PDB file of N, CA and C in Angstrom:
ATOM      1  N   MET A   1      48.123-122.849  97.193  1.00  0.00           N
ATOM      2  CA  MET A   1      48.814-124.113  97.346  1.00  0.00           C
ATOM      3  C   MET A   1      48.699-124.573  98.798  1.00  0.00           C
ATOM      4  N   LYS A   2      48.135-125.717  98.996  1.00  0.00           N
ATOM      5  CA  LYS A   2      47.953-126.265 100.341  1.00  0.00           C
ATOM      6  C   LYS A   2      49.153-127.134 100.709  1.00  0.00           C
ATOM      7  N   ARG A   3      49.684-126.884 101.884  1.00  0.00           N
ATOM      8  CA  ARG A   3      50.836-127.665 102.348  1.00  0.00           C
ATOM      9  C   ARG A   3      50.364-128.833 103.191  1.00  0.00           C
ATOM     10  N   ASP A   4      51.066-129.909 103.079  1.00  0.00           N
ATOM     11  CA  ASP A   4      50.772-131.093 103.873  1.00  0.00           C
ATOM     12  C   ASP A   4      51.635-131.047 105.133  1.00  0.00           C
ATOM     13  N   LEU A   5      51.081-130.515 106.239  1.00  0.00           N
ATOM     14  CA  LEU A   5      51.852-130.372 107.480  1.00  0.00           C
ATOM     15  C   LEU A   5      52.256-131.713 108.064  1.00  0.00           C
ATOM     16  N   GLY A   6      51.567-132.774 107.694  1.00  0.00           N
ATOM     17  CA  GLY A   6      51.946-134.101 108.166  1.00  0.00           C
ATOM     18  C   GLY A   6      53.325-134.511 107.698  1.00  0.00           C
ATOM     19  N   ARG A   7      53.775-133.921 106.594  1.00  0.00           N
ATOM     20  CA  ARG A   7      55.104-134.229 106.089  1.00  0.00           C
ATOM     21  C   ARG A   7      56.167-133.350 106.739  1.00  0.00           C
ATOM     22  N   VAL A   8      55.766-132.215 107.291  1.00  0.00           N
ATOM     23  CA  VAL A   8      56.705-131.256 107.874  1.00  0.00           C
ATOM     24  C   VAL A   8      56.839-131.448 109.379  1.00  0.00           C
ATOM     25  N   LEU A   9      55.722-131.640 110.067  1.00  0.00           N
ATOM     26  CA  LEU A   9      55.713-131.823 111.517  1.00  0.00           C
ATOM     27  C   LEU A   9      55.252-133.236 111.854  1.00  0.00           C
ATOM     28  N   LYS A  10      55.963-133.890 112.729  1.00  0.00           N
ATOM     29  CA  LYS A  10      55.620-135.244 113.161  1.00  0.00           C
ATOM     30  C   LYS A  10      55.768-135.324 114.677  1.00  0.00           C
ATOM     31  N   SER A  11      55.055-136.256 115.240  1.00  0.00           N
ATOM     32  CA  SER A  11      55.175-136.516 116.668  1.00  0.00           C
ATOM     33  C   SER A  11      56.060-137.745 116.854  1.00  0.00           C
ATOM     34  N   PHE A  12      57.132-137.588 117.629  1.00  0.00           N
ATOM     35  CA  PHE A  12      58.058-138.686 117.898  1.00  0.00           C
ATOM     36  C   PHE A  12      58.324-138.763 119.393  1.00  0.00           C
ATOM     37  N   ASN A  13      58.877-139.884 119.812  1.00  0.00           N
ATOM     38  CA  ASN A  13      59.381-140.015 121.168  1.00  0.00           C
ATOM     39  C   ASN A  13      60.870-139.687 121.129  1.00  0.00           C
ATOM     40  N   CYS A  14      61.302-138.898 122.098  1.00  0.00           N
ATOM     41  CA  CYS A  14      62.697-138.495 122.197  1.00  0.00           C
ATOM     42  C   CYS A  14      63.581-139.740 122.315  1.00  0.00           C
ATOM     43  N   LYS A  15      64.675-139.754 121.563  1.00  0.00           N
ATOM     44  CA  LYS A  15      65.597-140.892 121.607  1.00  0.00           C
ATOM     45  C   LYS A  15      66.359-140.962 122.928  1.00  0.00           C
ATOM     46  N   SER A  16      66.419-139.860 123.661  1.00  0.00           N
ATOM     47  CA  SER A  16      67.152-139.845 124.924  1.00  0.00           C
ATOM     48  C   SER A  16      66.263-140.131 126.122  1.00  0.00           C
ATOM     49  N   CYS A  17      65.141-139.387 126.232  1.00  0.00           N
ATOM     50  CA  CYS A  17      64.311-139.504 127.441  1.00  0.00           C
ATOM     51  C   CYS A  17      62.950-140.151 127.187  1.00  0.00           C
ATOM     52  N   SER A  18      62.623-140.440 125.944  1.00  0.00           N
ATOM     53  CA  SER A  18      61.375-141.105 125.535  1.00  0.00           C
ATOM     54  C   SER A  18      60.120-140.262 125.665  1.00  0.00           C
ATOM     55  N   LYS A  19      60.238-138.967 126.021  1.00  0.00           N
ATOM     56  CA  LYS A  19      59.062-138.094 126.052  1.00  0.00           C
ATOM     57  C   LYS A  19      58.640-137.782 124.628  1.00  0.00           C
ATOM     58  N   GLU A  20      57.327-137.640 124.423  1.00  0.00           N
ATOM     59  CA  GLU A  20      56.816-137.299 123.108  1.00  0.00           C
ATOM     60  C   GLU A  20      57.058-135.816 122.825  1.00  0.00           C
ATOM     61  N   PHE A  21      57.451-135.498 121.599  1.00  0.00           N
ATOM     62  CA  PHE A  21      57.682-134.109 121.211  1.00  0.00           C
ATOM     63  C   PHE A  21      57.333-133.953 119.743  1.00  0.00           C
ATOM     64  N   ILE A  22      57.167-132.707 119.320  1.00  0.00           N
ATOM     65  CA  ILE A  22      56.879-132.411 117.924  1.00  0.00           C
ATOM     66  C   ILE A  22      58.200-132.198 117.196  1.00  0.00           C
ATOM     67  N   TRP A  23      58.414-132.981 116.172  1.00  0.00           N
ATOM     68  CA  TRP A  23      59.631-132.902 115.365  1.00  0.00           C
ATOM     69  C   TRP A  23      59.333-132.111 114.105  1.00  0.00           C
ATOM     70  N   CYS A  24      60.256-131.260 113.690  1.00  0.00           N
ATOM     71  CA  CYS A  24      60.131-130.487 112.463  1.00  0.00           C
ATOM     72  C   CYS A  24      61.251-130.908 111.514  1.00  0.00           C
ATOM     73  N   TRP A  25      60.987-130.888 110.243  1.00  0.00           N
ATOM     74  CA  TRP A  25      61.989-131.319 109.256  1.00  0.00           C
ATOM     75  C   TRP A  25      63.281-130.527 109.365  1.00  0.00           C
ATOM     76  N   LYS A  26      63.243-129.328 109.920  1.00  0.00           N
ATOM     77  CA  LYS A  26      64.455-128.516 110.062  1.00  0.00           C
ATOM     78  C   LYS A  26      65.416-129.092 111.090  1.00  0.00           C
ATOM     79  N   GLN A  27      64.941-130.019 111.915  1.00  0.00           N
ATOM     80  CA  GLN A  27      65.814-130.661 112.897  1.00  0.00           C
ATOM     81  C   GLN A  27      66.604-131.804 112.265  1.00  0.00           C
ATOM     82  N   TYR A  28      66.332-132.085 111.008  1.00  0.00           N
ATOM     83  CA  TYR A  28      66.993-133.139 110.251  1.00  0.00           C
ATOM     84  C   TYR A  28      66.951-134.449 111.017  1.00  0.00           C
ATOM     85  N   GLY A  29      68.083-135.060 111.307  1.00  0.00           N
ATOM     86  CA  GLY A  29      68.121-136.366 111.946  1.00  0.00           C
ATOM     87  C   GLY A  29      68.206-136.323 113.457  1.00  0.00           C
ATOM     88  N   ASP A  30      67.971-135.174 114.070  1.00  0.00           N
ATOM     89  CA  ASP A  30      68.056-135.048 115.530  1.00  0.00           C
ATOM     90  C   ASP A  30      66.687-135.336 116.127  1.00  0.00           C
ATOM     91  N   PHE A  31      66.515-136.542 116.650  1.00  0.00           N
ATOM     92  CA  PHE A  31      65.236-136.964 117.203  1.00  0.00           C
ATOM     93  C   PHE A  31      65.246-136.898 118.733  1.00  0.00           C
ATOM     94  N   ARG A  32      65.747-135.762 119.252  1.00  0.00           N
ATOM     95  CA  ARG A  32      65.721-135.512 120.690  1.00  0.00           C
ATOM     96  C   ARG A  32      64.851-134.301 120.952  1.00  0.00           C
ATOM     97  N   CYS A  33      64.207-134.282 122.122  1.00  0.00           N
ATOM     98  CA  CYS A  33      63.369-133.143 122.495  1.00  0.00           C
ATOM     99  C   CYS A  33      64.263-131.933 122.790  1.00  0.00           C
ATOM    100  N   GLN A  34      63.644-130.792 122.927  1.00  0.00           N
ATOM    101  CA  GLN A  34      64.398-129.557 123.165  1.00  0.00           C
ATOM    102  C   GLN A  34      65.234-129.648 124.444  1.00  0.00           C
ATOM    103  N   THR A  35      64.700-130.259 125.469  1.00  0.00           N
ATOM    104  CA  THR A  35      65.429-130.397 126.734  1.00  0.00           C
ATOM    105  C   THR A  35      66.696-131.223 126.551  1.00  0.00           C
ATOM    106  N   CYS A  36      66.587-132.327 125.842  1.00  0.00           N
ATOM    107  CA  CYS A  36      67.737-133.213 125.668  1.00  0.00           C
ATOM    108  C   CYS A  36      68.750-132.692 124.646  1.00  0.00           C
ATOM    109  N   ARG A  37      68.366-131.735 123.819  1.00  0.00           N
ATOM    110  CA  ARG A  37      69.303-131.144 122.862  1.00  0.00           C
ATOM    111  C   ARG A  37      70.257-130.184 123.532  1.00  0.00           C
ATOM    112  N   GLY A  38      70.090-129.929 124.806  1.00  0.00           N
ATOM    113  CA  GLY A  38      71.078-129.133 125.526  1.00  0.00           C
ATOM    114  C   GLY A  38      70.713-127.684 125.721  1.00  0.00           C
ATOM    115  N   VAL A  39      69.449-127.353 125.688  1.00  0.00           N
ATOM    116  CA  VAL A  39      69.052-125.981 125.957  1.00  0.00           C
ATOM    117  C   VAL A  39      69.288-125.714 127.437  1.00  0.00           C
ATOM    118  N   MET A  40      70.083-124.674 127.727  1.00  0.00           N
ATOM    119  CA  MET A  40      70.431-124.368 129.110  1.00  0.00           C
ATOM    120  C   MET A  40      69.800-123.057 129.531  1.00  0.00           C
ATOM    121  N   THR A  41      69.504-122.955 130.806  1.00  0.00           N
ATOM    122  CA  THR A  41      68.980-121.707 131.340  1.00  0.00           C
ATOM    123  C   THR A  41      70.147-120.765 131.622  1.00  0.00           C
ATOM    124  N   VAL A  42      69.850-119.498 131.806  1.00  0.00           N
ATOM    125  CA  VAL A  42      70.879-118.505 132.115  1.00  0.00           C
ATOM    126  C   VAL A  42      71.575-118.874 133.422  1.00  0.00           C
ATOM    127  N   GLU A  43      70.815-119.314 134.396  1.00  0.00           N
ATOM    128  CA  GLU A  43      71.392-119.682 135.692  1.00  0.00           C
ATOM    129  C   GLU A  43      72.380-120.834 135.545  1.00  0.00           C
ATOM    130  N   GLU A  44      72.058-121.817 134.707  1.00  0.00           N
ATOM    131  CA  GLU A  44      72.954-122.953 134.495  1.00  0.00           C
ATOM    132  C   GLU A  44      74.255-122.506 133.824  1.00  0.00           C
ATOM    133  N   VAL A  45      74.149-121.596 132.864  1.00  0.00           N
ATOM    134  CA  VAL A  45      75.339-121.085 132.182  1.00  0.00           C
ATOM    135  C   VAL A  45      76.202-120.290 133.150  1.00  0.00           C
ATOM    136  N   GLU A  46      75.576-119.422 133.967  1.00  0.00           N
ATOM    137  CA  GLU A  46      76.327-118.633 134.947  1.00  0.00           C
ATOM    138  C   GLU A  46      77.043-119.535 135.949  1.00  0.00           C
ATOM    139  N   LYS A  47      76.374-120.593 136.380  1.00  0.00           N
ATOM    140  CA  LYS A  47      76.987-121.528 137.330  1.00  0.00           C
ATOM    141  C   LYS A  47      78.186-122.224 136.698  1.00  0.00           C
ATOM    142  N   GLU A  48      78.031-122.653 135.448  1.00  0.00           N
ATOM    143  CA  GLU A  48      79.115-123.327 134.751  1.00  0.00           C
ATOM    144  C   GLU A  48      80.318-122.394 134.559  1.00  0.00           C
ATOM    145  N   LEU A  49      80.045-121.135 134.208  1.00  0.00           N
ATOM    146  CA  LEU A  49      81.135-120.173 134.048  1.00  0.00           C
ATOM    147  C   LEU A  49      81.853-119.907 135.367  1.00  0.00           C
ATOM    148  N   ALA A  50      81.103-119.842 136.456  1.00  0.00           N
ATOM    149  CA  ALA A  50      81.695-119.594 137.767  1.00  0.00           C
ATOM    150  C   ALA A  50      82.596-120.740 138.210  1.00  0.00           C
ATOM    151  N   GLU A  51      82.292-121.955 137.747  1.00  0.00           N
ATOM    152  CA  GLU A  51      83.065-123.129 138.148  1.00  0.00           C
ATOM    153  C   GLU A  51      84.318-123.344 137.300  1.00  0.00           C
ATOM    154  N   MET A  52      84.459-122.579 136.222  1.00  0.00           N
ATOM    155  CA  MET A  52      85.627-122.728 135.337  1.00  0.00           C
ATOM    156  C   MET A  52      86.877-122.148 135.988  1.00  0.00           C
ATOM    157  N   SER A  53      88.009-122.743 135.652  1.00  0.00           N
ATOM    158  CA  SER A  53      89.281-122.169 136.085  1.00  0.00           C
ATOM    159  C   SER A  53      89.536-120.922 135.249  1.00  0.00           C
ATOM    160  N   ALA A  54      90.504-120.121 135.652  1.00  0.00           N
ATOM    161  CA  ALA A  54      90.830-118.891 134.927  1.00  0.00           C
ATOM    162  C   ALA A  54      91.249-119.198 133.488  1.00  0.00           C
ATOM    163  N   GLU A  55      92.012-120.272 133.295  1.00  0.00           N
ATOM    164  CA  GLU A  55      92.459-120.645 131.951  1.00  0.00           C
ATOM    165  C   GLU A  55      91.279-121.083 131.079  1.00  0.00           C
ATOM    166  N   GLU A  56      90.380-121.893 131.634  1.00  0.00           N
ATOM    167  CA  GLU A  56      89.206-122.337 130.882  1.00  0.00           C
ATOM    168  C   GLU A  56      88.321-121.146 130.500  1.00  0.00           C
ATOM    169  N   TYR A  57      88.137-120.242 131.446  1.00  0.00           N
ATOM    170  CA  TYR A  57      87.300-119.066 131.201  1.00  0.00           C
ATOM    171  C   TYR A  57      87.902-118.199 130.098  1.00  0.00           C
ATOM    172  N   GLN A  58      89.221-117.978 130.155  1.00  0.00           N
ATOM    173  CA  GLN A  58      89.873-117.158 129.135  1.00  0.00           C
ATOM    174  C   GLN A  58      89.790-117.820 127.765  1.00  0.00           C
ATOM    175  N   SER A  59      89.957-119.126 127.713  1.00  0.00           N
ATOM    176  CA  SER A  59      89.836-119.859 126.453  1.00  0.00           C
ATOM    177  C   SER A  59      88.429-119.727 125.888  1.00  0.00           C
ATOM    178  N   PHE A  60      87.431-119.813 126.758  1.00  0.00           N
ATOM    179  CA  PHE A  60      86.028-119.661 126.366  1.00  0.00           C
ATOM    180  C   PHE A  60      85.787-118.269 125.786  1.00  0.00           C
ATOM    181  N   MET A  61      86.295-117.249 126.458  1.00  0.00           N
ATOM    182  CA  MET A  61      86.127-115.871 125.991  1.00  0.00           C
ATOM    183  C   MET A  61      86.863-115.651 124.663  1.00  0.00           C
ATOM    184  N   ASP A  62      88.046-116.251 124.510  1.00  0.00           N
ATOM    185  CA  ASP A  62      88.789-116.146 123.255  1.00  0.00           C
ATOM    186  C   ASP A  62      88.011-116.793 122.106  1.00  0.00           C
ATOM    187  N   ASP A  63      87.388-117.932 122.375  1.00  0.00           N
ATOM    188  CA  ASP A  63      86.570-118.602 121.362  1.00  0.00           C
ATOM    189  C   ASP A  63      85.401-117.734 120.930  1.00  0.00           C
ATOM    190  N   ILE A  64      84.772-117.062 121.882  1.00  0.00           N
ATOM    191  CA  ILE A  64      83.649-116.177 121.566  1.00  0.00           C
ATOM    192  C   ILE A  64      84.132-115.012 120.711  1.00  0.00           C
ATOM    193  N   GLU A  65      85.263-114.426 121.082  1.00  0.00           N
ATOM    194  CA  GLU A  65      85.815-113.298 120.324  1.00  0.00           C
ATOM    195  C   GLU A  65      86.150-113.721 118.894  1.00  0.00           C
ATOM    196  N   GLU A  66      86.756-114.889 118.741  1.00  0.00           N
ATOM    197  CA  GLU A  66      87.098-115.396 117.410  1.00  0.00           C
ATOM    198  C   GLU A  66      85.832-115.652 116.584  1.00  0.00           C
ATOM    199  N   TYR A  67      84.827-116.215 117.207  1.00  0.00           N
ATOM    200  CA  TYR A  67      83.555-116.465 116.520  1.00  0.00           C
ATOM    201  C   TYR A  67      82.946-115.144 116.046  1.00  0.00           C
ATOM    202  N   ASN A  68      82.939-114.134 116.903  1.00  0.00           N
ATOM    203  CA  ASN A  68      82.371-112.827 116.532  1.00  0.00           C
ATOM    204  C   ASN A  68      83.133-112.191 115.379  1.00  0.00           C
ATOM    205  N   LYS A  69      84.451-112.340 115.355  1.00  0.00           N
ATOM    206  CA  LYS A  69      85.256-111.784 114.255  1.00  0.00           C
ATOM    207  C   LYS A  69      84.901-112.455 112.930  1.00  0.00           C
ATOM    208  N   ASN A  70      84.740-113.779 112.975  1.00  0.00           N
ATOM    209  CA  ASN A  70      84.520-114.557 111.747  1.00  0.00           C
ATOM    210  C   ASN A  70      83.077-114.569 111.273  1.00  0.00           C
ATOM    211  N   ASN A  71      82.139-114.136 112.096  1.00  0.00           N
ATOM    212  CA  ASN A  71      80.725-114.249 111.738  1.00  0.00           C
ATOM    213  C   ASN A  71      79.982-112.930 111.848  1.00  0.00           C
ATOM    214  N   LYS A  72      80.552-111.892 111.295  1.00  0.00           N
ATOM    215  CA  LYS A  72      79.888-110.583 111.325  1.00  0.00           C
ATOM    216  C   LYS A  72      78.911-110.451 110.219  1.00  0.00           C
TER     217      LYS A  72
END
């Protein structure tokens, strides 16, 4: 059975930054490139965590713990 990749993968311009990217049907209606979808580097995450107040950080950690409990 031959698959028609033209129906699965398409080339679109990102709705946010207008750069061309390859869209896959698994992205559903999200027509943004990987960069604009919010992929962050480890350094960016570490910087953001360092800038959080103690209360924000604890809330973040509590959310992670709750997620891990519910999604084993």
